[in-house]
Amino acid sequence: VWVDWERPSEASRIVDRKGKLIAAQAKKLDAALDYAATLGVSFDLTLETAHYDAVNKSAEGYDITSHKNAVRSVLERWGAHPAVRIIDLDNEAEVRGAGGHGSPDTGHTSPARFADLMGVARSAARTCLVGASCSFSIDGMPKDYVNLFRDTKGEILLPHFARVKGWGAAEGPNAKALAKALPGILIHHQEPARNGHS
């Protein structure tokens, strides 16, 4: 479940651009999670840095207070809920956008920004695992995760492996390659077999 998704409209969000919960939407998620827990269904709550206000402080530095507020809000509300198993702190964190730069408005999270987000997560009372997702190429993905975890490691890997014909047979070998590059970290195959955005 995306807590900051803006499709079909901004009214779909559960957390606003400043990282504050939207009360009516949060109550809807409460109800869904409570019901899911009775069925033994678990959730992955996902955030994306591009969906929060960020302030450019210098040529390479950004103030991501809003994203950190969102992580805190989500973990305080749902981090210990029995139906919440995973929080994806930043969807496809390695993506740099069309310009190839590392601005949060493209969805990119630098190693230092990821460490900031993990610092917030580690300060929260929770029972869920926290990490970030990286996307597509198995050739690039281990390197992208090693880079993202330069300053601190996430607790779980949330890879988006290539969505191509034969994806199912590739999931095992891809996971083994990722586990070899980042030993000792759990892997959850997030978004398997997804085909397009529409």
Protein backbone atom coordinates (compact mmCIF):
# COMPACT_ATOMS: atom_id res chain seq x y z
CA VAL A 1 0.00 0.00 0.00
CA TRP A 2 1.39 3.36 -1.06
CA VAL A 3 0.82 5.90 1.72
CA ASP A 4 1.71 8.84 -0.52
CA TRP A 5 0.43 7.74 -3.94
CA GLU A 6 -1.19 10.50 -6.00
CA ARG A 7 -3.13 8.36 -8.46
CA PRO A 8 -5.86 8.86 -9.50
CA SER A 9 -5.50 12.16 -7.59
CA GLU A 10 -3.73 13.78 -4.65
CA ALA A 11 -6.83 12.91 -2.57
CA SER A 12 -5.57 9.30 -2.60
CA ARG A 13 -2.73 10.16 -0.22
CA ILE A 14 -2.69 8.98 3.39
CA VAL A 15 0.31 11.20 4.27
CA ASP A 16 0.60 14.79 3.00
CA ARG A 17 3.64 16.43 1.38
CA LYS A 18 4.88 17.63 4.79
CA GLY A 19 4.79 14.09 6.19
CA LYS A 20 1.66 14.51 8.31
CA LEU A 21 -1.10 11.90 8.39
CA ILE A 22 -4.38 12.86 6.72
CA ALA A 23 -6.84 11.82 9.43
CA ALA A 24 -9.74 10.53 7.32
CA GLN A 25 -7.44 8.54 5.03
CA ALA A 26 -5.45 7.14 7.96
CA LYS A 27 -8.70 5.84 9.50
CA LYS A 28 -9.46 3.99 6.25
CA LEU A 29 -6.07 2.30 6.41
CA ASP A 30 -6.63 1.49 10.10
CA ALA A 31 -9.83 -0.34 9.15
CA ALA A 32 -8.17 -2.21 6.27
CA LEU A 33 -5.24 -3.31 8.43
CA ASP A 34 -7.47 -4.40 11.30
CA TYR A 35 -9.57 -6.50 8.93
CA ALA A 36 -6.48 -7.93 7.20
CA ALA A 37 -5.07 -9.01 10.57
CA THR A 38 -8.16 -11.18 11.16
CA LEU A 39 -7.41 -12.98 7.88
CA GLY A 40 -3.69 -13.41 8.48
CA VAL A 41 -2.86 -11.04 5.62
CA SER A 42 0.23 -8.85 5.96
CA PHE A 43 1.07 -5.51 4.36
CA ASP A 44 4.05 -3.63 3.00
CA LEU A 45 3.60 0.14 3.39
CA THR A 46 5.57 2.09 0.80
CA LEU A 47 6.82 5.69 0.62
CA GLU A 48 8.63 7.55 -2.16
CA THR A 49 10.88 10.53 -1.59
CA ALA A 50 9.56 12.41 -4.66
CA HIS A 51 6.18 12.71 -2.92
CA TYR A 52 7.52 14.96 -0.13
CA ASP A 53 8.76 18.53 0.00
CA ALA A 54 12.56 18.75 -0.04
CA VAL A 55 14.75 21.84 0.26
CA ASN A 56 18.05 22.14 -1.62
CA LYS A 57 20.67 23.26 0.93
CA SER A 58 23.76 23.09 -1.28
CA ALA A 59 25.03 21.65 -4.55
CA GLU A 60 24.68 18.14 -3.14
CA GLY A 61 22.64 18.49 0.05
CA TYR A 62 18.89 18.37 0.64
CA ASP A 63 16.74 18.91 3.70
CA ILE A 64 14.33 15.94 3.71
CA THR A 65 12.48 16.85 6.91
CA SER A 66 9.10 16.15 5.29
CA HIS A 67 10.11 12.62 4.24
CA LYS A 68 11.51 11.94 7.72
CA ASN A 69 8.25 13.25 9.22
CA ALA A 70 6.35 10.80 7.00
CA VAL A 71 8.50 7.86 8.14
CA ARG A 72 7.93 8.85 11.76
CA SER A 73 4.16 9.30 11.23
CA VAL A 74 3.77 5.92 9.52
CA LEU A 75 5.87 4.02 12.06
CA GLU A 76 4.20 5.64 15.07
CA ARG A 77 0.74 4.77 13.70
CA TRP A 78 1.34 1.36 12.11
CA GLY A 79 4.89 0.18 12.84
CA ALA A 80 3.70 -2.27 15.50
CA HIS A 81 0.42 -3.25 13.83
CA PRO A 82 0.18 -7.05 13.46
CA ALA A 83 -0.72 -6.73 9.76
CA VAL A 84 2.28 -4.53 8.88
CA ARG A 85 5.43 -6.53 8.17
CA ILE A 86 7.48 -4.16 6.00
CA ILE A 87 7.96 -0.42 5.53
CA ASP A 88 9.63 0.56 2.24
CA LEU A 89 11.25 3.87 3.18
CA ASP A 90 11.78 4.82 -0.45
CA ASN A 91 10.44 3.13 -3.55
CA GLU A 92 13.15 2.57 -6.18
CA ALA A 93 15.58 4.67 -4.18
CA GLU A 94 18.38 4.50 -6.75
CA VAL A 95 16.42 6.13 -9.59
CA ARG A 96 17.99 9.44 -10.63
CA GLY A 97 15.42 10.58 -13.17
CA ALA A 98 15.78 11.81 -16.72
CA GLY A 99 18.43 14.38 -15.81
CA GLY A 100 20.63 11.79 -14.11
CA HIS A 101 20.89 13.90 -10.96
CA GLY A 102 20.24 12.81 -7.39
CA SER A 103 17.52 15.21 -6.38
CA PRO A 104 14.69 13.90 -4.17
CA ASP A 105 12.19 15.25 -6.71
CA THR A 106 13.27 12.46 -9.08
CA GLY A 107 12.74 9.87 -6.35
CA HIS A 108 16.44 9.41 -5.65
CA THR A 109 17.75 8.75 -2.16
CA SER A 110 21.48 9.16 -1.57
CA PRO A 111 23.33 6.97 0.95
CA ALA A 112 23.38 9.86 3.45
CA ARG A 113 19.64 10.51 3.03
CA PHE A 114 18.93 6.78 3.47
CA ALA A 115 20.97 6.83 6.70
CA ASP A 116 18.82 9.75 7.89
CA LEU A 117 15.63 7.79 7.16
CA MET A 118 16.99 4.68 8.90
CA GLY A 119 17.89 6.83 11.91
CA VAL A 120 14.24 7.87 12.21
CA ALA A 121 13.10 4.25 11.75
CA ARG A 122 15.49 2.96 14.42
CA SER A 123 14.14 5.48 16.92
CA ALA A 124 10.57 4.17 16.56
CA ALA A 125 8.97 1.37 18.57
CA ARG A 126 7.98 -1.15 15.91
CA THR A 127 7.73 -4.80 15.00
CA CYS A 128 8.04 -4.42 11.21
CA LEU A 129 11.19 -4.50 9.08
CA VAL A 130 12.36 -1.38 7.24
CA GLY A 131 14.36 -1.08 4.03
CA ALA A 132 14.15 0.39 0.54
CA SER A 133 13.45 -0.95 -2.92
CA CYS A 134 15.76 -0.85 -5.92
CA SER A 135 14.71 -1.62 -9.46
CA PHE A 136 15.12 -3.65 -12.59
CA SER A 137 18.55 -4.84 -13.69
CA ILE A 138 20.17 -7.61 -11.66
CA ASP A 139 23.50 -6.41 -13.09
CA GLY A 140 22.99 -2.98 -11.55
CA MET A 141 20.93 -3.90 -8.51
CA PRO A 142 23.60 -5.37 -6.19
CA LYS A 143 25.78 -2.35 -6.88
CA ASP A 144 22.86 0.03 -6.31
CA TYR A 145 22.09 -1.61 -2.96
CA VAL A 146 25.74 -1.63 -1.88
CA ASN A 147 25.87 2.09 -2.70
CA LEU A 148 22.56 2.87 -0.96
CA PHE A 149 23.74 1.02 2.17
CA ARG A 150 27.14 2.79 2.24
CA ASP A 151 26.48 4.50 5.59
CA THR A 152 23.94 2.13 7.11
CA LYS A 153 22.12 -1.02 6.04
CA GLY A 154 18.42 -1.60 5.73
CA GLU A 155 16.86 -4.60 7.43
CA ILE A 156 15.35 -6.09 4.28
CA LEU A 157 15.96 -5.92 0.52
CA LEU A 158 12.91 -5.16 -1.63
CA PRO A 159 14.08 -5.76 -5.21
CA HIS A 160 12.05 -4.99 -8.32
CA PHE A 161 13.60 -7.47 -10.71
CA ALA A 162 13.13 -7.06 -14.47
CA ARG A 163 9.51 -7.43 -15.54
CA VAL A 164 10.11 -9.48 -18.64
CA LYS A 165 9.07 -12.79 -20.15
CA GLY A 166 10.50 -15.61 -18.05
CA TRP A 167 10.56 -13.48 -14.90
CA GLY A 168 9.41 -16.37 -12.69
CA ALA A 169 12.34 -18.64 -13.55
CA ALA A 170 14.74 -15.73 -13.01
CA GLU A 171 13.54 -14.84 -9.50
CA GLY A 172 15.60 -17.54 -7.74
CA PRO A 173 18.92 -16.88 -9.53
CA ASN A 174 18.42 -13.11 -9.17
CA ALA A 175 17.82 -13.45 -5.44
CA LYS A 176 20.91 -15.65 -5.04
CA ALA A 177 23.06 -13.03 -6.79
CA LEU A 178 21.65 -10.32 -4.56
CA ALA A 179 22.15 -12.41 -1.41
CA LYS A 180 25.77 -13.05 -2.38
CA ALA A 181 26.41 -9.30 -2.73
CA LEU A 182 24.60 -8.43 0.52
CA PRO A 183 24.81 -11.48 2.79
CA GLY A 184 22.67 -11.82 5.89
CA ILE A 185 19.81 -9.52 4.81
CA LEU A 186 16.34 -10.87 4.14
CA ILE A 187 14.93 -10.51 0.61
CA HIS A 188 11.27 -9.84 -0.22
CA HIS A 189 10.38 -10.00 -3.91
CA GLN A 190 8.40 -6.78 -4.13
CA GLU A 191 6.26 -6.14 -7.24
CA PRO A 192 6.97 -9.47 -8.96
CA ALA A 193 5.47 -9.84 -12.44
CA ARG A 194 4.12 -6.29 -12.52
CA ASN A 195 3.58 -5.19 -16.11
CA GLY A 196 3.39 -1.46 -16.76
CA HIS A 197 1.72 1.32 -14.80
CA SER A 198 -1.76 1.51 -16.33
